[in-house]
C-alpha atoms as a PDB file:
ATOM      1  CA  MET A   1    -107.594 -28.739  -3.297  1.00  0.00           C
ATOM      2  CA  LEU A   2    -106.118 -32.065  -2.238  1.00  0.00           C
ATOM      3  CA  ALA A   3    -107.314 -35.454  -3.410  1.00  0.00           C
ATOM      4  CA  LEU A   4    -108.067 -37.479  -0.291  1.00  0.00           C
ATOM      5  CA  GLU A   5    -109.052 -40.793  -1.854  1.00  0.00           C
ATOM      6  CA  ARG A   6    -105.956 -42.174  -0.147  1.00  0.00           C
ATOM      7  CA  PRO A   7    -104.285 -40.962   3.060  1.00  0.00           C
ATOM      8  CA  LEU A   8    -101.671 -38.269   2.524  1.00  0.00           C
ATOM      9  CA  VAL A   9     -98.253 -37.977   4.135  1.00  0.00           C
ATOM     10  CA  MET A  10     -97.150 -34.549   5.399  1.00  0.00           C
ATOM     11  CA  GLY A  11     -93.388 -34.252   5.902  1.00  0.00           C
ATOM     12  CA  ILE A  12     -92.095 -32.183   8.827  1.00  0.00           C
ATOM     13  CA  VAL A  13     -89.411 -29.509   8.402  1.00  0.00           C
ATOM     14  CA  ASN A  14     -88.619 -27.759  11.695  1.00  0.00           C
ATOM     15  CA  VAL A  15     -86.436 -24.669  11.333  1.00  0.00           C
ATOM     16  CA  THR A  16     -86.093 -24.281  15.093  1.00  0.00           C
ATOM     17  CA  PRO A  17     -83.306 -24.709  17.641  1.00  0.00           C
ATOM     18  CA  ASP A  18     -85.514 -26.464  20.196  1.00  0.00           C
ATOM     19  CA  SER A  19     -88.062 -28.836  18.626  1.00  0.00           C
ATOM     20  CA  PHE A  20     -88.352 -32.065  20.623  1.00  0.00           C
ATOM     21  CA  SER A  21     -87.021 -34.437  17.947  1.00  0.00           C
ATOM     22  CA  ASP A  22     -84.867 -32.496  15.499  1.00  0.00           C
ATOM     23  CA  GLY A  23     -84.313 -29.120  17.161  1.00  0.00           C
ATOM     24  CA  GLY A  24     -81.317 -27.395  15.576  1.00  0.00           C
ATOM     25  CA  ALA A  25     -80.818 -30.025  12.868  1.00  0.00           C
ATOM     26  CA  PHE A  26     -82.354 -27.857  10.155  1.00  0.00           C
ATOM     27  CA  LEU A  27     -81.999 -24.343  11.570  1.00  0.00           C
ATOM     28  CA  ASP A  28     -79.655 -23.536   8.680  1.00  0.00           C
ATOM     29  CA  PRO A  29     -81.888 -22.694   5.679  1.00  0.00           C
ATOM     30  CA  ALA A  30     -79.779 -24.682   3.197  1.00  0.00           C
ATOM     31  CA  ARG A  31     -80.060 -27.813   5.334  1.00  0.00           C
ATOM     32  CA  ALA A  32     -83.801 -27.266   5.815  1.00  0.00           C
ATOM     33  CA  ILE A  33     -84.361 -26.849   2.077  1.00  0.00           C
ATOM     34  CA  ALA A  34     -82.328 -29.962   1.301  1.00  0.00           C
ATOM     35  CA  HIS A  35     -84.285 -31.901   3.922  1.00  0.00           C
ATOM     36  CA  ALA A  36     -87.608 -30.763   2.446  1.00  0.00           C
ATOM     37  CA  GLU A  37     -86.465 -31.798  -1.031  1.00  0.00           C
ATOM     38  CA  ARG A  38     -85.423 -35.186   0.339  1.00  0.00           C
ATOM     39  CA  LEU A  39     -88.841 -35.687   1.955  1.00  0.00           C
ATOM     40  CA  ILE A  40     -90.512 -34.832  -1.359  1.00  0.00           C
ATOM     41  CA  GLU A  41     -88.301 -37.389  -3.121  1.00  0.00           C
ATOM     42  CA  GLU A  42     -89.367 -39.942  -0.502  1.00  0.00           C
ATOM     43  CA  GLY A  43     -92.989 -39.280  -1.427  1.00  0.00           C
ATOM     44  CA  ALA A  44     -94.293 -36.540   0.854  1.00  0.00           C
ATOM     45  CA  ASP A  45     -97.638 -35.211  -0.395  1.00  0.00           C
ATOM     46  CA  LEU A  46     -97.224 -31.983   1.568  1.00  0.00           C
ATOM     47  CA  ILE A  47     -94.425 -30.239   3.456  1.00  0.00           C
ATOM     48  CA  ASP A  48     -95.020 -28.501   6.799  1.00  0.00           C
ATOM     49  CA  ILE A  49     -92.524 -25.784   7.798  1.00  0.00           C
ATOM     50  CA  GLY A  50     -92.386 -24.657  11.423  1.00  0.00           C
ATOM     51  CA  GLY A  51     -90.353 -21.764  12.803  1.00  0.00           C
ATOM     52  CA  GLU A  52     -91.419 -21.973  16.455  1.00  0.00           C
ATOM     53  CA  SER A  53     -91.268 -25.050  18.651  1.00  0.00           C
ATOM     54  CA  THR A  54     -94.555 -26.090  20.243  1.00  0.00           C
ATOM     55  CA  ARG A  55     -93.134 -28.952  22.303  1.00  0.00           C
ATOM     56  CA  PRO A  56     -94.257 -29.052  25.954  1.00  0.00           C
ATOM     57  CA  GLY A  57     -92.543 -26.256  27.860  1.00  0.00           C
ATOM     58  CA  ALA A  58     -91.344 -24.464  24.725  1.00  0.00           C
ATOM     59  CA  GLN A  59     -90.712 -20.729  24.993  1.00  0.00           C
ATOM     60  CA  ALA A  60     -92.427 -18.413  22.527  1.00  0.00           C
ATOM     61  CA  VAL A  61     -90.492 -16.469  19.893  1.00  0.00           C
ATOM     62  CA  ASN A  62     -91.544 -13.189  18.359  1.00  0.00           C
ATOM     63  CA  ALA A  63     -93.104 -12.978  14.910  1.00  0.00           C
ATOM     64  CA  ALA A  64     -90.072 -11.348  13.305  1.00  0.00           C
ATOM     65  CA  GLU A  65     -87.739 -14.152  14.401  1.00  0.00           C
ATOM     66  CA  GLU A  66     -90.227 -16.856  13.439  1.00  0.00           C
ATOM     67  CA  TRP A  67     -90.641 -15.391   9.952  1.00  0.00           C
ATOM     68  CA  ARG A  68     -86.860 -14.914   9.586  1.00  0.00           C
ATOM     69  CA  ARG A  69     -86.477 -18.681  10.044  1.00  0.00           C
ATOM     70  CA  ILE A  70     -89.332 -19.640   7.720  1.00  0.00           C
ATOM     71  CA  GLU A  71     -88.944 -17.154   4.850  1.00  0.00           C
ATOM     72  CA  PRO A  72     -85.894 -18.553   2.997  1.00  0.00           C
ATOM     73  CA  VAL A  73     -87.185 -22.119   3.189  1.00  0.00           C
ATOM     74  CA  LEU A  74     -90.669 -21.237   2.008  1.00  0.00           C
ATOM     75  CA  GLY A  75     -89.217 -19.088  -0.760  1.00  0.00           C
ATOM     76  CA  ALA A  76     -87.032 -21.929  -2.015  1.00  0.00           C
ATOM     77  CA  LEU A  77     -90.005 -24.313  -2.013  1.00  0.00           C
ATOM     78  CA  ARG A  78     -92.393 -21.969  -3.796  1.00  0.00           C
ATOM     79  CA  GLU A  79     -92.096 -24.004  -7.004  1.00  0.00           C
ATOM     80  CA  ALA A  80     -92.062 -27.372  -5.222  1.00  0.00           C
ATOM     81  CA  PRO A  81     -94.273 -30.075  -6.784  1.00  0.00           C
ATOM     82  CA  VAL A  82     -96.296 -30.421  -3.568  1.00  0.00           C
ATOM     83  CA  PRO A  83     -98.216 -27.916  -1.423  1.00  0.00           C
ATOM     84  CA  VAL A  84     -96.345 -26.278   1.437  1.00  0.00           C
ATOM     85  CA  ALA A  85     -97.945 -25.589   4.818  1.00  0.00           C
ATOM     86  CA  VAL A  86     -96.640 -23.205   7.468  1.00  0.00           C
ATOM     87  CA  ASP A  87     -97.064 -24.138  11.115  1.00  0.00           C
ATOM     88  CA  THR A  88     -97.748 -20.912  13.036  1.00  0.00           C
ATOM     89  CA  MET A  89    -100.087 -19.333  15.581  1.00  0.00           C
ATOM     90  CA  LYS A  90     -99.302 -15.731  14.686  1.00  0.00           C
ATOM     91  CA  PRO A  91    -101.530 -13.724  12.287  1.00  0.00           C
ATOM     92  CA  GLU A  92     -98.613 -11.631  11.032  1.00  0.00           C
ATOM     93  CA  VAL A  93     -96.618 -14.756  10.160  1.00  0.00           C
ATOM     94  CA  MET A  94     -99.720 -16.251   8.522  1.00  0.00           C
ATOM     95  CA  ARG A  95    -100.127 -13.185   6.305  1.00  0.00           C
ATOM     96  CA  SER A  96     -96.450 -13.214   5.328  1.00  0.00           C
ATOM     97  CA  ALA A  97     -96.514 -16.944   4.611  1.00  0.00           C
ATOM     98  CA  LEU A  98     -99.675 -16.758   2.527  1.00  0.00           C
ATOM     99  CA  GLY A  99     -98.229 -13.831   0.582  1.00  0.00           C
ATOM    100  CA  ALA A 100     -95.097 -15.894  -0.078  1.00  0.00           C
ATOM    101  CA  GLY A 101     -97.007 -18.847  -1.493  1.00  0.00           C
ATOM    102  CA  ALA A 102     -97.980 -21.099   1.418  1.00  0.00           C
ATOM    103  CA  SER A 103    -100.916 -23.361   0.547  1.00  0.00           C
ATOM    104  CA  MET A 104    -101.985 -24.157   4.130  1.00  0.00           C
ATOM    105  CA  ILE A 105    -101.779 -22.682   7.589  1.00  0.00           C
ATOM    106  CA  ASN A 106    -101.332 -25.296  10.305  1.00  0.00           C
ATOM    107  CA  ASP A 107    -102.399 -23.580  13.543  1.00  0.00           C
ATOM    108  CA  VAL A 108    -102.083 -25.382  16.874  1.00  0.00           C
ATOM    109  CA  ASN A 109    -104.161 -22.531  18.335  1.00  0.00           C
ATOM    110  CA  ALA A 110    -107.068 -23.088  15.883  1.00  0.00           C
ATOM    111  CA  LEU A 111    -107.213 -19.447  14.689  1.00  0.00           C
ATOM    112  CA  ARG A 112    -108.032 -18.106  18.168  1.00  0.00           C
ATOM    113  CA  ALA A 113    -105.422 -15.320  18.107  1.00  0.00           C
ATOM    114  CA  GLU A 114    -106.847 -11.910  17.244  1.00  0.00           C
ATOM    115  CA  GLY A 115    -106.705 -11.466  13.467  1.00  0.00           C
ATOM    116  CA  ALA A 116    -105.769 -15.067  12.671  1.00  0.00           C
ATOM    117  CA  LEU A 117    -109.131 -16.088  11.253  1.00  0.00           C
ATOM    118  CA  GLN A 118    -109.256 -12.961   9.110  1.00  0.00           C
ATOM    119  CA  ALA A 119    -105.725 -13.594   7.813  1.00  0.00           C
ATOM    120  CA  VAL A 120    -106.668 -17.035   6.510  1.00  0.00           C
ATOM    121  CA  ALA A 121    -110.123 -16.011   5.309  1.00  0.00           C
ATOM    122  CA  ALA A 122    -108.577 -13.346   3.083  1.00  0.00           C
ATOM    123  CA  SER A 123    -106.703 -16.062   1.176  1.00  0.00           C
ATOM    124  CA  ASP A 124    -107.780 -19.209  -0.658  1.00  0.00           C
ATOM    125  CA  ALA A 125    -105.470 -21.414   1.424  1.00  0.00           C
ATOM    126  CA  ALA A 126    -106.391 -24.439   3.499  1.00  0.00           C
ATOM    127  CA  VAL A 127    -106.212 -24.370   7.284  1.00  0.00           C
ATOM    128  CA  CYS A 128    -105.701 -27.014   9.959  1.00  0.00           C
ATOM    129  CA  LEU A 129    -107.475 -26.312  13.253  1.00  0.00           C
ATOM    130  CA  MET A 130    -105.927 -28.158  16.196  1.00  0.00           C
ATOM    131  CA  HIS A 131    -107.032 -28.741  19.785  1.00  0.00           C
ATOM    132  CA  MET A 132    -104.586 -27.652  22.466  1.00  0.00           C
ATOM    133  CA  LEU A 133    -105.282 -27.341  26.180  1.00  0.00           C
ATOM    134  CA  GLY A 134    -103.704 -24.078  27.325  1.00  0.00           C
ATOM    135  CA  GLU A 135    -100.466 -23.140  25.584  1.00  0.00           C
ATOM    136  CA  PRO A 136     -97.160 -24.928  24.976  1.00  0.00           C
ATOM    137  CA  ARG A 137     -95.376 -23.685  28.091  1.00  0.00           C
ATOM    138  CA  THR A 138     -98.071 -25.023  30.443  1.00  0.00           C
ATOM    139  CA  MET A 139    -100.170 -27.541  28.519  1.00  0.00           C
ATOM    140  CA  GLN A 140     -98.653 -30.649  30.114  1.00  0.00           C
ATOM    141  CA  ILE A 141     -99.114 -29.467  33.712  1.00  0.00           C
ATOM    142  CA  ALA A 142    -101.788 -31.868  35.029  1.00  0.00           C
ATOM    143  CA  PRO A 143    -104.201 -31.837  32.035  1.00  0.00           C
ATOM    144  CA  PHE A 144    -107.695 -33.057  32.981  1.00  0.00           C
ATOM    145  CA  TYR A 145    -110.835 -33.988  31.015  1.00  0.00           C
ATOM    146  CA  ASP A 146    -114.081 -35.665  32.044  1.00  0.00           C
ATOM    147  CA  ASP A 147    -114.170 -37.191  28.531  1.00  0.00           C
ATOM    148  CA  VAL A 148    -111.247 -36.195  26.324  1.00  0.00           C
ATOM    149  CA  VAL A 149    -112.938 -37.289  23.089  1.00  0.00           C
ATOM    150  CA  ALA A 150    -116.109 -35.325  23.841  1.00  0.00           C
ATOM    151  CA  VAL A 151    -114.177 -32.207  24.856  1.00  0.00           C
ATOM    152  CA  VAL A 152    -111.840 -32.292  21.853  1.00  0.00           C
ATOM    153  CA  GLY A 153    -114.733 -32.977  19.491  1.00  0.00           C
ATOM    154  CA  ALA A 154    -116.816 -30.112  20.889  1.00  0.00           C
ATOM    155  CA  PHE A 155    -113.872 -27.710  20.678  1.00  0.00           C
ATOM    156  CA  LEU A 156    -113.109 -28.593  17.067  1.00  0.00           C
ATOM    157  CA  ARG A 157    -116.788 -28.392  16.129  1.00  0.00           C
ATOM    158  CA  GLU A 158    -116.942 -24.854  17.543  1.00  0.00           C
ATOM    159  CA  ARG A 159    -113.750 -23.792  15.766  1.00  0.00           C
ATOM    160  CA  ILE A 160    -114.955 -25.204  12.444  1.00  0.00           C
ATOM    161  CA  ALA A 161    -118.212 -23.288  12.829  1.00  0.00           C
ATOM    162  CA  SER A 162    -116.322 -20.119  13.730  1.00  0.00           C
ATOM    163  CA  ALA A 163    -114.048 -20.486  10.703  1.00  0.00           C
ATOM    164  CA  GLU A 164    -117.022 -21.018   8.411  1.00  0.00           C
ATOM    165  CA  SER A 165    -118.889 -18.022   9.802  1.00  0.00           C
ATOM    166  CA  GLY A 166    -115.713 -15.981   9.298  1.00  0.00           C
ATOM    167  CA  GLY A 167    -115.609 -16.772   5.587  1.00  0.00           C
ATOM    168  CA  ILE A 168    -113.510 -19.940   5.383  1.00  0.00           C
ATOM    169  CA  ALA A 169    -115.352 -22.559   3.338  1.00  0.00           C
ATOM    170  CA  ARG A 170    -115.639 -26.015   4.916  1.00  0.00           C
ATOM    171  CA  GLY A 171    -113.760 -27.503   1.965  1.00  0.00           C
ATOM    172  CA  ARG A 172    -110.660 -25.589   3.095  1.00  0.00           C
ATOM    173  CA  ILE A 173    -110.712 -26.907   6.671  1.00  0.00           C
ATOM    174  CA  VAL A 174    -108.833 -29.814   8.249  1.00  0.00           C
ATOM    175  CA  ALA A 175    -109.056 -30.749  11.956  1.00  0.00           C
ATOM    176  CA  ASP A 176    -106.359 -32.154  14.259  1.00  0.00           C
ATOM    177  CA  PRO A 177    -107.183 -33.600  17.720  1.00  0.00           C
ATOM    178  CA  GLY A 178    -103.775 -32.482  18.994  1.00  0.00           C
ATOM    179  CA  PHE A 179    -102.051 -35.582  20.317  1.00  0.00           C
ATOM    180  CA  GLY A 180     -99.670 -34.553  23.100  1.00  0.00           C
ATOM    181  CA  PHE A 181    -100.966 -30.991  23.333  1.00  0.00           C
ATOM    182  CA  GLY A 182    -102.322 -30.924  26.866  1.00  0.00           C
ATOM    183  CA  LYS A 183    -102.980 -34.671  27.128  1.00  0.00           C
ATOM    184  CA  THR A 184    -101.649 -37.485  29.278  1.00  0.00           C
ATOM    185  CA  LEU A 185    -100.722 -40.861  27.801  1.00  0.00           C
ATOM    186  CA  ALA A 186    -104.161 -42.143  28.784  1.00  0.00           C
ATOM    187  CA  HIS A 187    -105.834 -39.205  27.030  1.00  0.00           C
ATOM    188  CA  ASN A 188    -103.766 -39.775  23.865  1.00  0.00           C
ATOM    189  CA  LEU A 189    -104.583 -43.477  23.782  1.00  0.00           C
ATOM    190  CA  GLU A 190    -108.289 -42.798  24.272  1.00  0.00           C
ATOM    191  CA  LEU A 191    -108.222 -40.258  21.430  1.00  0.00           C
ATOM    192  CA  LEU A 192    -106.510 -42.740  19.124  1.00  0.00           C
ATOM    193  CA  ARG A 193    -108.825 -45.554  20.185  1.00  0.00           C
ATOM    194  CA  ARG A 194    -111.903 -43.429  19.422  1.00  0.00           C
ATOM    195  CA  LEU A 195    -110.510 -41.332  16.568  1.00  0.00           C
ATOM    196  CA  SER A 196    -113.407 -42.305  14.300  1.00  0.00           C
ATOM    197  CA  GLU A 197    -115.711 -40.308  16.617  1.00  0.00           C
ATOM    198  CA  ILE A 198    -113.668 -37.166  15.954  1.00  0.00           C
ATOM    199  CA  GLY A 199    -113.982 -38.021  12.262  1.00  0.00           C
ATOM    200  CA  GLU A 200    -117.714 -37.392  12.504  1.00  0.00           C
ATOM    201  CA  LEU A 201    -116.983 -33.641  12.418  1.00  0.00           C
ATOM    202  CA  GLY A 202    -117.320 -33.749   8.637  1.00  0.00           C
ATOM    203  CA  VAL A 203    -113.881 -32.408   7.718  1.00  0.00           C
ATOM    204  CA  PRO A 204    -110.686 -34.397   7.005  1.00  0.00           C
ATOM    205  CA  LEU A 205    -108.571 -35.328  10.025  1.00  0.00           C
ATOM    206  CA  LEU A 206    -104.866 -34.580  10.247  1.00  0.00           C
ATOM    207  CA  VAL A 207    -102.979 -36.558  12.887  1.00  0.00           C
ATOM    208  CA  GLY A 208     -99.465 -35.980  14.226  1.00  0.00           C
ATOM    209  CA  LEU A 209     -98.044 -38.837  16.290  1.00  0.00           C
ATOM    210  CA  SER A 210     -94.550 -39.116  14.822  1.00  0.00           C
ATOM    211  CA  ARG A 211     -91.786 -39.587  17.448  1.00  0.00           C
ATOM    212  CA  LYS A 212     -93.979 -38.097  20.213  1.00  0.00           C
ATOM    213  CA  SER A 213     -93.406 -38.717  23.908  1.00  0.00           C
ATOM    214  CA  MET A 214     -96.465 -40.970  24.168  1.00  0.00           C
ATOM    215  CA  LEU A 215     -94.612 -43.435  21.937  1.00  0.00           C
ATOM    216  CA  GLY A 216     -91.576 -43.175  24.164  1.00  0.00           C
ATOM    217  CA  ALA A 217     -93.697 -43.773  27.245  1.00  0.00           C
ATOM    218  CA  ILE A 218     -94.958 -47.008  25.700  1.00  0.00           C
ATOM    219  CA  THR A 219     -91.717 -48.294  24.149  1.00  0.00           C
ATOM    220  CA  GLY A 220     -89.071 -46.776  26.421  1.00  0.00           C
ATOM    221  CA  ARG A 221     -87.240 -45.399  23.370  1.00  0.00           C
ATOM    222  CA  GLU A 222     -85.803 -41.924  22.838  1.00  0.00           C
ATOM    223  CA  ALA A 223     -87.242 -39.617  20.149  1.00  0.00           C
ATOM    224  CA  GLY A 224     -84.750 -40.640  17.462  1.00  0.00           C
ATOM    225  CA  GLU A 225     -85.496 -44.327  18.019  1.00  0.00           C
ATOM    226  CA  ARG A 226     -89.273 -44.184  17.560  1.00  0.00           C
ATOM    227  CA  LEU A 227     -89.550 -44.816  13.817  1.00  0.00           C
ATOM    228  CA  ALA A 228     -91.297 -48.193  14.139  1.00  0.00           C
ATOM    229  CA  ALA A 229     -93.631 -46.920  16.844  1.00  0.00           C
ATOM    230  CA  GLY A 230     -94.480 -43.850  14.763  1.00  0.00           C
ATOM    231  CA  VAL A 231     -95.269 -45.905  11.685  1.00  0.00           C
ATOM    232  CA  ALA A 232     -97.506 -48.197  13.734  1.00  0.00           C
ATOM    233  CA  ALA A 233     -99.311 -45.189  15.212  1.00  0.00           C
ATOM    234  CA  ALA A 234     -99.808 -43.658  11.756  1.00  0.00           C
ATOM    235  CA  LEU A 235    -101.358 -46.892  10.468  1.00  0.00           C
ATOM    236  CA  LEU A 236    -103.705 -47.094  13.454  1.00  0.00           C
ATOM    237  CA  ALA A 237    -104.742 -43.476  12.863  1.00  0.00           C
ATOM    238  CA  VAL A 238    -105.423 -44.082   9.162  1.00  0.00           C
ATOM    239  CA  GLU A 239    -107.457 -47.196   9.958  1.00  0.00           C
ATOM    240  CA  ARG A 240    -109.554 -45.007  12.265  1.00  0.00           C
ATOM    241  CA  GLY A 241    -110.159 -42.303   9.674  1.00  0.00           C
ATOM    242  CA  ALA A 242    -107.151 -39.969   9.489  1.00  0.00           C
ATOM    243  CA  ARG A 243    -106.693 -38.597   5.962  1.00  0.00           C
ATOM    244  CA  ILE A 244    -103.360 -36.813   6.547  1.00  0.00           C
ATOM    245  CA  VAL A 245    -100.535 -38.046   8.773  1.00  0.00           C
ATOM    246  CA  ARG A 246     -97.820 -35.575   9.763  1.00  0.00           C
ATOM    247  CA  VAL A 247     -94.512 -37.442  10.059  1.00  0.00           C
ATOM    248  CA  HIS A 248     -90.747 -37.136  10.249  1.00  0.00           C
ATOM    249  CA  ASP A 249     -90.164 -40.477   8.490  1.00  0.00           C
ATOM    250  CA  VAL A 250     -91.859 -40.183   5.117  1.00  0.00           C
ATOM    251  CA  ALA A 251     -90.483 -43.182   3.206  1.00  0.00           C
ATOM    252  CA  ALA A 252     -91.188 -45.692   5.983  1.00  0.00           C
ATOM    253  CA  THR A 253     -94.701 -44.334   6.492  1.00  0.00           C
ATOM    254  CA  ARG A 254     -95.492 -44.515   2.784  1.00  0.00           C
ATOM    255  CA  ASP A 255     -94.263 -48.112   2.604  1.00  0.00           C
ATOM    256  CA  ALA A 256     -96.489 -49.082   5.513  1.00  0.00           C
ATOM    257  CA  LEU A 257     -99.488 -47.325   3.979  1.00  0.00           C
ATOM    258  CA  ALA A 258     -98.861 -49.168   0.703  1.00  0.00           C
ATOM    259  CA  ILE A 259     -99.034 -52.486   2.557  1.00  0.00           C
ATOM    260  CA  LEU A 260    -102.232 -51.431   4.302  1.00  0.00           C
ATOM    261  CA  ALA A 261    -103.774 -50.418   0.983  1.00  0.00           C
ATOM    262  CA  ALA A 262    -102.780 -53.727  -0.636  1.00  0.00           C
ATOM    263  CA  VAL A 263    -104.380 -55.708   2.192  1.00  0.00           C
ATOM    264  CA  LYS A 264    -107.553 -53.712   1.643  1.00  0.00           C
ATOM    265  CA  GLY A 265    -107.439 -54.497  -2.070  1.00  0.00           C
ATOM    266  CA  SER A 266    -106.409 -51.111  -3.405  1.00  0.00           C
ATOM    267  CA  SER A 267    -103.182 -49.438  -4.520  1.00  0.00           C
ATOM    268  CA  TYR A 268    -101.441 -46.602  -2.712  1.00  0.00           C
END
């Protein structure tokens, strides 16, 4: 159970060779563990470990390879002072991660793979259900929506209901509108503009905007130069109802959230 009186910061640890921002930087387990520990020192409320890139055009990896990347990092963080999430679409990786102490499954496929819902339901872990149009290899090929907010909201509502009917209590569920996952820049901006409508689903919202290509499209900056844009996007998301922001730059995001809280007359 996470206290959500204030927005939480989820720090990203990608143990992949091909993630869009930091692919290969933390493929070595020792470097990944040290990075996670550094993010915790900077104030991360949660850590999210991913062993398979889901950037646009990314190629899938098999479950054995994905778990080989994740296992040593998750094992080293088992006694960490914050919960650890595992970012995976695969039921077999979910079961292994939950057995090894993961507190949350972060699934860009919203538990649609056969056996995924059952894997999470059999635990007491939290789950994040995300909207994605298609799958990573094809999701950015001419995505189209009549009303992106309505479509994303309806999808997440159905997945929340499915999770509940499958034995996952609502208090364990978080929803993510999936910025950049089968959306154009216009779709992403409309989602952010109307994020409070997605918040009417009745579960906490998790938002991942950090260093994404939509920020580069607006600023003209490469992924490693998008810190300021990412912090601004995180603040806009929190002001519109996000309760968890998934970021690469934990310290800067926390500082910005502290300023926002002070302006609103509270402490962070």
